Amino acid sequence: MGTGFFSSWTFWALLSAAFAALTTIFAKVGVSGINSDFATLLRTLVVLVSLGLILYATGQYQSLSSISPRSYVFLTLSGLATGASWICYFRALQLGQASLVAPVDKLSVVLVAVLGVTLLGEKLDLRQWAGICLITAGVVLLAWRR
């Protein structure tokens, strides 16, 4: 990838956020009248087929033997966590409002920051911690029931 905005992490993170927003809206409508776990399975199949087509079309497929055992372990754990997250997310969408479920789900941003610092040795400055605290406060305000 080249340099500039379209090859920066910020561009891809913003695009991810936009697609995540659409994911929630589409899922909220789609999960109506269907078992949430089955809806998760259907969504997973669509993701699997889509990624397979993208890898095939762009020639990015990689030999399975070229992947380290460590990568296999952590990608497997990540996949299991993703599956658990999606199952819980779809169940929450079935029970609650998308405009409340999605922000509470994004408490994961706070958890990633804390885990990144404690487990990965990442460093955050005061400004970044303030942002994490503001995200936490926002989630609490949205989820708090009177």
N, C-alpha and C. Protein backbone atom coordinates (compact mmCIF):
# COMPACT_ATOMS: atom_id res chain seq x y z
N MET A 1 0.83 -1.19 0.00
CA MET A 1 0.00 0.00 0.00
C MET A 1 0.87 1.24 0.00
N GLY A 2 0.38 2.27 -0.62
CA GLY A 2 1.14 3.50 -0.70
C GLY A 2 1.00 4.33 0.56
N THR A 3 1.41 5.57 0.46
CA THR A 3 1.31 6.48 1.59
C THR A 3 0.07 7.34 1.43
N GLY A 4 -0.25 8.07 2.46
CA GLY A 4 -1.39 8.95 2.42
C GLY A 4 -2.55 8.42 3.23
N PHE A 5 -3.63 9.20 3.23
CA PHE A 5 -4.79 8.89 4.06
C PHE A 5 -5.39 7.53 3.77
N PHE A 6 -5.49 7.14 2.50
CA PHE A 6 -6.16 5.89 2.15
C PHE A 6 -5.34 4.64 2.51
N SER A 7 -4.10 4.83 2.89
CA SER A 7 -3.30 3.69 3.34
C SER A 7 -2.97 3.80 4.83
N SER A 8 -3.65 4.71 5.54
CA SER A 8 -3.39 4.88 6.96
C SER A 8 -4.35 4.03 7.80
N TRP A 9 -3.94 3.74 9.02
CA TRP A 9 -4.80 2.98 9.91
C TRP A 9 -6.07 3.75 10.22
N THR A 10 -6.01 5.08 10.23
CA THR A 10 -7.18 5.90 10.53
C THR A 10 -8.27 5.70 9.48
N PHE A 11 -7.88 5.71 8.22
CA PHE A 11 -8.86 5.49 7.13
C PHE A 11 -9.56 4.16 7.32
N TRP A 12 -8.79 3.11 7.53
CA TRP A 12 -9.38 1.76 7.65
C TRP A 12 -10.20 1.62 8.92
N ALA A 13 -9.79 2.28 10.00
CA ALA A 13 -10.57 2.23 11.25
C ALA A 13 -11.91 2.95 11.08
N LEU A 14 -11.89 4.10 10.39
CA LEU A 14 -13.14 4.82 10.13
C LEU A 14 -14.06 4.01 9.21
N LEU A 15 -13.50 3.38 8.21
CA LEU A 15 -14.28 2.53 7.33
C LEU A 15 -14.87 1.35 8.12
N SER A 16 -14.07 0.78 9.01
CA SER A 16 -14.54 -0.30 9.87
C SER A 16 -15.72 0.16 10.72
N ALA A 17 -15.62 1.36 11.28
CA ALA A 17 -16.70 1.91 12.10
C ALA A 17 -17.97 2.09 11.27
N ALA A 18 -17.82 2.59 10.05
CA ALA A 18 -18.99 2.78 9.19
C ALA A 18 -19.66 1.44 8.87
N PHE A 19 -18.85 0.44 8.52
CA PHE A 19 -19.41 -0.88 8.24
C PHE A 19 -20.00 -1.51 9.49
N ALA A 20 -19.39 -1.29 10.65
CA ALA A 20 -19.94 -1.82 11.90
C ALA A 20 -21.30 -1.21 12.19
N ALA A 21 -21.44 0.08 11.90
CA ALA A 21 -22.74 0.73 12.10
C ALA A 21 -23.80 0.12 11.18
N LEU A 22 -23.44 -0.07 9.92
CA LEU A 22 -24.38 -0.71 8.99
C LEU A 22 -24.69 -2.14 9.42
N THR A 23 -23.67 -2.85 9.92
CA THR A 23 -23.86 -4.21 10.41
C THR A 23 -24.94 -4.25 11.47
N THR A 24 -24.88 -3.32 12.40
CA THR A 24 -25.85 -3.29 13.49
C THR A 24 -27.25 -3.00 12.98
N ILE A 25 -27.39 -2.03 12.12
CA ILE A 25 -28.71 -1.67 11.60
C ILE A 25 -29.29 -2.83 10.80
N PHE A 26 -28.49 -3.40 9.90
CA PHE A 26 -28.96 -4.53 9.10
C PHE A 26 -29.30 -5.73 9.98
N ALA A 27 -28.46 -5.99 10.98
CA ALA A 27 -28.69 -7.14 11.88
C ALA A 27 -29.95 -6.94 12.70
N LYS A 28 -30.19 -5.74 13.19
CA LYS A 28 -31.39 -5.47 14.00
C LYS A 28 -32.64 -5.79 13.20
N VAL A 29 -32.65 -5.41 11.94
CA VAL A 29 -33.80 -5.70 11.08
C VAL A 29 -33.84 -7.19 10.75
N GLY A 30 -32.69 -7.77 10.45
CA GLY A 30 -32.63 -9.16 10.03
C GLY A 30 -32.90 -10.17 11.12
N VAL A 31 -32.62 -9.83 12.37
CA VAL A 31 -32.78 -10.79 13.47
C VAL A 31 -34.24 -10.88 13.92
N SER A 32 -35.07 -10.00 13.42
CA SER A 32 -36.49 -10.01 13.78
C SER A 32 -37.17 -11.27 13.26
N GLY A 33 -37.76 -12.02 14.15
CA GLY A 33 -38.52 -13.21 13.77
C GLY A 33 -37.67 -14.43 13.48
N ILE A 34 -36.42 -14.44 13.89
CA ILE A 34 -35.53 -15.57 13.65
C ILE A 34 -34.71 -15.81 14.92
N ASN A 35 -34.36 -17.03 15.18
CA ASN A 35 -33.51 -17.35 16.33
C ASN A 35 -32.18 -16.61 16.17
N SER A 36 -31.74 -15.93 17.22
CA SER A 36 -30.54 -15.10 17.11
C SER A 36 -29.28 -15.92 16.83
N ASP A 37 -29.21 -17.14 17.36
CA ASP A 37 -28.04 -17.98 17.08
C ASP A 37 -28.02 -18.43 15.62
N PHE A 38 -29.19 -18.73 15.07
CA PHE A 38 -29.26 -19.11 13.65
C PHE A 38 -28.92 -17.91 12.77
N ALA A 39 -29.36 -16.73 13.18
CA ALA A 39 -29.01 -15.50 12.45
C ALA A 39 -27.50 -15.30 12.44
N THR A 40 -26.86 -15.60 13.56
CA THR A 40 -25.41 -15.49 13.65
C THR A 40 -24.73 -16.47 12.69
N LEU A 41 -25.27 -17.69 12.61
CA LEU A 41 -24.72 -18.68 11.68
C LEU A 41 -24.84 -18.19 10.23
N LEU A 42 -25.99 -17.66 9.86
CA LEU A 42 -26.16 -17.16 8.49
C LEU A 42 -25.17 -16.03 8.20
N ARG A 43 -25.04 -15.10 9.14
CA ARG A 43 -24.10 -13.99 8.95
C ARG A 43 -22.67 -14.52 8.80
N THR A 44 -22.32 -15.51 9.61
CA THR A 44 -20.97 -16.08 9.56
C THR A 44 -20.71 -16.73 8.21
N LEU A 45 -21.70 -17.43 7.67
CA LEU A 45 -21.55 -18.05 6.35
C LEU A 45 -21.32 -17.00 5.27
N VAL A 46 -22.05 -15.90 5.36
CA VAL A 46 -21.88 -14.82 4.39
C VAL A 46 -20.47 -14.24 4.49
N VAL A 47 -19.98 -14.03 5.71
CA VAL A 47 -18.62 -13.52 5.91
C VAL A 47 -17.61 -14.50 5.33
N LEU A 48 -17.77 -15.78 5.62
CA LEU A 48 -16.83 -16.81 5.15
C LEU A 48 -16.77 -16.85 3.62
N VAL A 49 -17.91 -16.87 2.98
CA VAL A 49 -17.94 -16.92 1.51
C VAL A 49 -17.36 -15.63 0.92
N SER A 50 -17.74 -14.49 1.50
CA SER A 50 -17.23 -13.20 1.00
C SER A 50 -15.71 -13.12 1.09
N LEU A 51 -15.17 -13.51 2.23
CA LEU A 51 -13.71 -13.46 2.39
C LEU A 51 -13.01 -14.44 1.46
N GLY A 52 -13.61 -15.62 1.29
CA GLY A 52 -13.04 -16.59 0.36
C GLY A 52 -12.97 -16.03 -1.05
N LEU A 53 -14.03 -15.37 -1.49
CA LEU A 53 -14.06 -14.76 -2.82
C LEU A 53 -13.04 -13.63 -2.95
N ILE A 54 -12.92 -12.82 -1.89
CA ILE A 54 -11.95 -11.72 -1.92
C ILE A 54 -10.53 -12.27 -2.03
N LEU A 55 -10.21 -13.28 -1.21
CA LEU A 55 -8.87 -13.88 -1.26
C LEU A 55 -8.59 -14.49 -2.63
N TYR A 56 -9.57 -15.17 -3.18
CA TYR A 56 -9.41 -15.79 -4.50
C TYR A 56 -9.20 -14.71 -5.57
N ALA A 57 -10.05 -13.68 -5.56
CA ALA A 57 -10.00 -12.64 -6.60
C ALA A 57 -8.71 -11.82 -6.54
N THR A 58 -8.17 -11.64 -5.34
CA THR A 58 -6.97 -10.80 -5.20
C THR A 58 -5.68 -11.60 -5.10
N GLY A 59 -5.79 -12.91 -5.13
CA GLY A 59 -4.60 -13.75 -5.06
C GLY A 59 -3.86 -13.68 -3.73
N GLN A 60 -4.58 -13.43 -2.66
CA GLN A 60 -3.95 -13.27 -1.35
C GLN A 60 -3.96 -14.54 -0.51
N TYR A 61 -4.45 -15.65 -1.07
CA TYR A 61 -4.47 -16.89 -0.31
C TYR A 61 -3.05 -17.27 0.06
N GLN A 62 -2.90 -17.85 1.23
CA GLN A 62 -1.59 -18.20 1.77
C GLN A 62 -1.60 -19.68 2.13
N SER A 63 -0.52 -20.35 1.89
CA SER A 63 -0.41 -21.75 2.24
C SER A 63 -0.59 -21.93 3.75
N LEU A 64 -1.40 -22.89 4.14
CA LEU A 64 -1.64 -23.13 5.56
C LEU A 64 -0.37 -23.55 6.29
N SER A 65 0.55 -24.19 5.58
CA SER A 65 1.81 -24.61 6.21
C SER A 65 2.74 -23.44 6.49
N SER A 66 2.46 -22.27 5.92
CA SER A 66 3.31 -21.10 6.14
C SER A 66 2.94 -20.35 7.43
N ILE A 67 1.90 -20.82 8.11
CA ILE A 67 1.43 -20.15 9.32
C ILE A 67 2.01 -20.85 10.55
N SER A 68 2.53 -20.07 11.47
CA SER A 68 3.17 -20.64 12.67
C SER A 68 2.11 -21.24 13.61
N PRO A 69 2.50 -22.23 14.39
CA PRO A 69 1.58 -22.80 15.39
C PRO A 69 1.05 -21.73 16.35
N ARG A 70 1.90 -20.79 16.74
CA ARG A 70 1.47 -19.71 17.63
C ARG A 70 0.34 -18.90 16.99
N SER A 71 0.50 -18.58 15.71
CA SER A 71 -0.55 -17.84 15.01
C SER A 71 -1.84 -18.65 14.96
N TYR A 72 -1.73 -19.96 14.70
CA TYR A 72 -2.91 -20.82 14.69
C TYR A 72 -3.64 -20.76 16.04
N VAL A 73 -2.88 -20.86 17.12
CA VAL A 73 -3.50 -20.85 18.46
C VAL A 73 -4.24 -19.54 18.70
N PHE A 74 -3.56 -18.42 18.43
CA PHE A 74 -4.18 -17.14 18.74
C PHE A 74 -5.29 -16.78 17.76
N LEU A 75 -5.19 -17.18 16.51
CA LEU A 75 -6.29 -16.95 15.57
C LEU A 75 -7.49 -17.82 15.92
N THR A 76 -7.24 -19.03 16.40
CA THR A 76 -8.34 -19.89 16.87
C THR A 76 -9.03 -19.26 18.07
N LEU A 77 -8.24 -18.80 19.04
CA LEU A 77 -8.82 -18.12 20.21
C LEU A 77 -9.61 -16.88 19.79
N SER A 78 -9.05 -16.12 18.85
CA SER A 78 -9.74 -14.93 18.35
C SER A 78 -11.06 -15.31 17.68
N GLY A 79 -11.03 -16.40 16.90
CA GLY A 79 -12.26 -16.86 16.24
C GLY A 79 -13.32 -17.28 17.25
N LEU A 80 -12.89 -17.97 18.30
CA LEU A 80 -13.84 -18.39 19.35
C LEU A 80 -14.42 -17.17 20.06
N ALA A 81 -13.57 -16.19 20.34
CA ALA A 81 -14.05 -14.96 20.99
C ALA A 81 -15.00 -14.20 20.06
N THR A 82 -14.68 -14.17 18.77
CA THR A 82 -15.57 -13.52 17.80
C THR A 82 -16.92 -14.19 17.78
N GLY A 83 -16.92 -15.51 17.72
CA GLY A 83 -18.18 -16.25 17.72
C GLY A 83 -19.00 -15.97 18.96
N ALA A 84 -18.36 -15.99 20.12
CA ALA A 84 -19.07 -15.71 21.37
C ALA A 84 -19.61 -14.28 21.36
N SER A 85 -18.80 -13.34 20.89
CA SER A 85 -19.23 -11.94 20.81
C SER A 85 -20.44 -11.79 19.90
N TRP A 86 -20.39 -12.40 18.73
CA TRP A 86 -21.51 -12.29 17.78
C TRP A 86 -22.78 -12.91 18.34
N ILE A 87 -22.66 -14.06 19.00
CA ILE A 87 -23.85 -14.70 19.58
C ILE A 87 -24.48 -13.78 20.63
N CYS A 88 -23.65 -13.22 21.50
CA CYS A 88 -24.15 -12.31 22.53
C CYS A 88 -24.72 -11.04 21.91
N TYR A 89 -24.06 -10.51 20.89
CA TYR A 89 -24.49 -9.28 20.23
C TYR A 89 -25.85 -9.45 19.57
N PHE A 90 -26.02 -10.55 18.85
CA PHE A 90 -27.31 -10.78 18.18
C PHE A 90 -28.42 -10.99 19.20
N ARG A 91 -28.12 -11.67 20.30
CA ARG A 91 -29.12 -11.86 21.35
C ARG A 91 -29.49 -10.50 21.94
N ALA A 92 -28.49 -9.65 22.21
CA ALA A 92 -28.76 -8.32 22.74
C ALA A 92 -29.58 -7.49 21.76
N LEU A 93 -29.26 -7.59 20.46
CA LEU A 93 -30.03 -6.84 19.46
C LEU A 93 -31.48 -7.29 19.41
N GLN A 94 -31.69 -8.58 19.62
CA GLN A 94 -33.05 -9.11 19.60
C GLN A 94 -33.84 -8.57 20.79
N LEU A 95 -33.17 -8.33 21.90
CA LEU A 95 -33.84 -7.91 23.13
C LEU A 95 -33.87 -6.40 23.34
N GLY A 96 -32.93 -5.69 22.74
CA GLY A 96 -32.81 -4.26 23.02
C GLY A 96 -32.76 -3.41 21.77
N GLN A 97 -32.68 -2.11 21.99
CA GLN A 97 -32.61 -1.15 20.90
C GLN A 97 -31.19 -1.10 20.34
N ALA A 98 -31.09 -1.08 19.03
CA ALA A 98 -29.78 -1.02 18.38
C ALA A 98 -29.00 0.20 18.83
N SER A 99 -29.69 1.31 19.05
CA SER A 99 -29.03 2.56 19.44
C SER A 99 -28.46 2.49 20.86
N LEU A 100 -28.85 1.49 21.63
CA LEU A 100 -28.28 1.29 22.97
C LEU A 100 -27.34 0.09 23.01
N VAL A 101 -27.69 -0.96 22.28
CA VAL A 101 -26.85 -2.17 22.27
C VAL A 101 -25.48 -1.86 21.69
N ALA A 102 -25.42 -1.19 20.56
CA ALA A 102 -24.13 -0.95 19.89
C ALA A 102 -23.16 -0.14 20.76
N PRO A 103 -23.60 0.96 21.38
CA PRO A 103 -22.66 1.69 22.22
C PRO A 103 -22.15 0.87 23.41
N VAL A 104 -23.02 0.09 24.04
CA VAL A 104 -22.57 -0.74 25.16
C VAL A 104 -21.58 -1.78 24.66
N ASP A 105 -21.85 -2.36 23.48
CA ASP A 105 -20.91 -3.31 22.88
C ASP A 105 -19.54 -2.65 22.67
N LYS A 106 -19.53 -1.38 22.39
CA LYS A 106 -18.27 -0.68 22.14
C LYS A 106 -17.49 -0.41 23.42
N LEU A 107 -18.02 -0.86 24.56
CA LEU A 107 -17.21 -0.85 25.77
C LEU A 107 -15.97 -1.72 25.55
N SER A 108 -16.04 -2.54 24.50
CA SER A 108 -14.87 -3.34 24.13
C SER A 108 -13.67 -2.44 23.83
N VAL A 109 -13.91 -1.22 23.39
CA VAL A 109 -12.82 -0.28 23.13
C VAL A 109 -12.05 -0.02 24.43
N VAL A 110 -12.77 0.16 25.50
CA VAL A 110 -12.15 0.41 26.80
C VAL A 110 -11.39 -0.85 27.25
N LEU A 111 -12.03 -2.00 27.09
CA LEU A 111 -11.39 -3.25 27.49
C LEU A 111 -10.12 -3.52 26.68
N VAL A 112 -10.15 -3.21 25.39
CA VAL A 112 -8.96 -3.38 24.55
C VAL A 112 -7.83 -2.47 25.04
N ALA A 113 -8.17 -1.23 25.39
CA ALA A 113 -7.14 -0.31 25.89
C ALA A 113 -6.51 -0.85 27.16
N VAL A 114 -7.34 -1.30 28.10
CA VAL A 114 -6.82 -1.81 29.37
C VAL A 114 -6.00 -3.08 29.14
N LEU A 115 -6.52 -3.99 28.34
CA LEU A 115 -5.79 -5.24 28.06
C LEU A 115 -4.52 -4.98 27.25
N GLY A 116 -4.59 -4.02 26.32
CA GLY A 116 -3.39 -3.68 25.54
C GLY A 116 -2.27 -3.17 26.42
N VAL A 117 -2.63 -2.38 27.41
CA VAL A 117 -1.63 -1.85 28.34
C VAL A 117 -1.13 -2.96 29.26
N THR A 118 -2.05 -3.74 29.83
CA THR A 118 -1.63 -4.72 30.83
C THR A 118 -0.99 -5.98 30.22
N LEU A 119 -1.49 -6.44 29.08
CA LEU A 119 -1.00 -7.69 28.51
C LEU A 119 0.03 -7.50 27.40
N LEU A 120 -0.10 -6.42 26.64
CA LEU A 120 0.79 -6.22 25.49
C LEU A 120 1.87 -5.16 25.73
N GLY A 121 1.80 -4.51 26.89
CA GLY A 121 2.81 -3.50 27.21
C GLY A 121 2.68 -2.22 26.43
N GLU A 122 1.51 -1.95 25.87
CA GLU A 122 1.31 -0.71 25.13
C GLU A 122 1.27 0.47 26.10
N LYS A 123 1.59 1.63 25.61
CA LYS A 123 1.62 2.84 26.44
C LYS A 123 0.54 3.81 25.95
N LEU A 124 -0.20 4.37 26.91
CA LEU A 124 -1.18 5.42 26.61
C LEU A 124 -0.82 6.64 27.44
N ASP A 125 -0.94 7.83 26.83
CA ASP A 125 -0.65 9.04 27.58
C ASP A 125 -1.93 9.54 28.26
N LEU A 126 -1.83 10.62 29.00
CA LEU A 126 -2.95 11.15 29.77
C LEU A 126 -4.14 11.49 28.87
N ARG A 127 -3.87 12.07 27.72
CA ARG A 127 -4.94 12.43 26.78
C ARG A 127 -5.69 11.19 26.32
N GLN A 128 -4.96 10.13 26.02
CA GLN A 128 -5.59 8.89 25.56
C GLN A 128 -6.40 8.24 26.67
N TRP A 129 -5.88 8.24 27.91
CA TRP A 129 -6.64 7.71 29.04
C TRP A 129 -7.90 8.53 29.26
N ALA A 130 -7.80 9.84 29.08
CA ALA A 130 -8.99 10.70 29.22
C ALA A 130 -10.06 10.29 28.20
N GLY A 131 -9.64 10.00 26.99
CA GLY A 131 -10.58 9.53 25.96
C GLY A 131 -11.23 8.22 26.35
N ILE A 132 -10.44 7.30 26.89
CA ILE A 132 -10.97 6.01 27.34
C ILE A 132 -11.99 6.23 28.46
N CYS A 133 -11.69 7.14 29.38
CA CYS A 133 -12.63 7.45 30.47
C CYS A 133 -13.92 8.07 29.93
N LEU A 134 -13.79 8.93 28.93
CA LEU A 134 -14.99 9.54 28.34
C LEU A 134 -15.86 8.49 27.63
N ILE A 135 -15.22 7.54 26.95
CA ILE A 135 -15.99 6.45 26.33
C ILE A 135 -16.74 5.67 27.40
N THR A 136 -16.05 5.36 28.50
CA THR A 136 -16.68 4.63 29.60
C THR A 136 -17.86 5.42 30.15
N ALA A 137 -17.67 6.71 30.38
CA ALA A 137 -18.75 7.55 30.90
C ALA A 137 -19.93 7.58 29.93
N GLY A 138 -19.65 7.65 28.64
CA GLY A 138 -20.72 7.65 27.65
C GLY A 138 -21.52 6.36 27.66
N VAL A 139 -20.84 5.25 27.76
CA VAL A 139 -21.52 3.95 27.81
C VAL A 139 -22.39 3.86 29.07
N VAL A 140 -21.84 4.29 30.19
CA VAL A 140 -22.61 4.26 31.45
C VAL A 140 -23.86 5.13 31.32
N LEU A 141 -23.72 6.33 30.76
CA LEU A 141 -24.89 7.21 30.59
C LEU A 141 -25.95 6.58 29.68
N LEU A 142 -25.52 5.94 28.63
CA LEU A 142 -26.48 5.30 27.72
C LEU A 142 -27.17 4.10 28.33
N ALA A 143 -26.44 3.32 29.12
CA ALA A 143 -27.00 2.08 29.65
C ALA A 143 -27.76 2.26 30.97
N TRP A 144 -27.51 3.38 31.65
CA TRP A 144 -28.09 3.61 32.96
C TRP A 144 -29.60 3.76 32.87
N ARG A 145 -30.31 2.94 33.61
CA ARG A 145 -31.78 3.02 33.65
C ARG A 145 -32.19 3.71 34.93
N ARG A 146 -33.21 4.53 34.84
CA ARG A 146 -33.71 5.21 36.03
C ARG A 146 -34.66 4.36 36.80
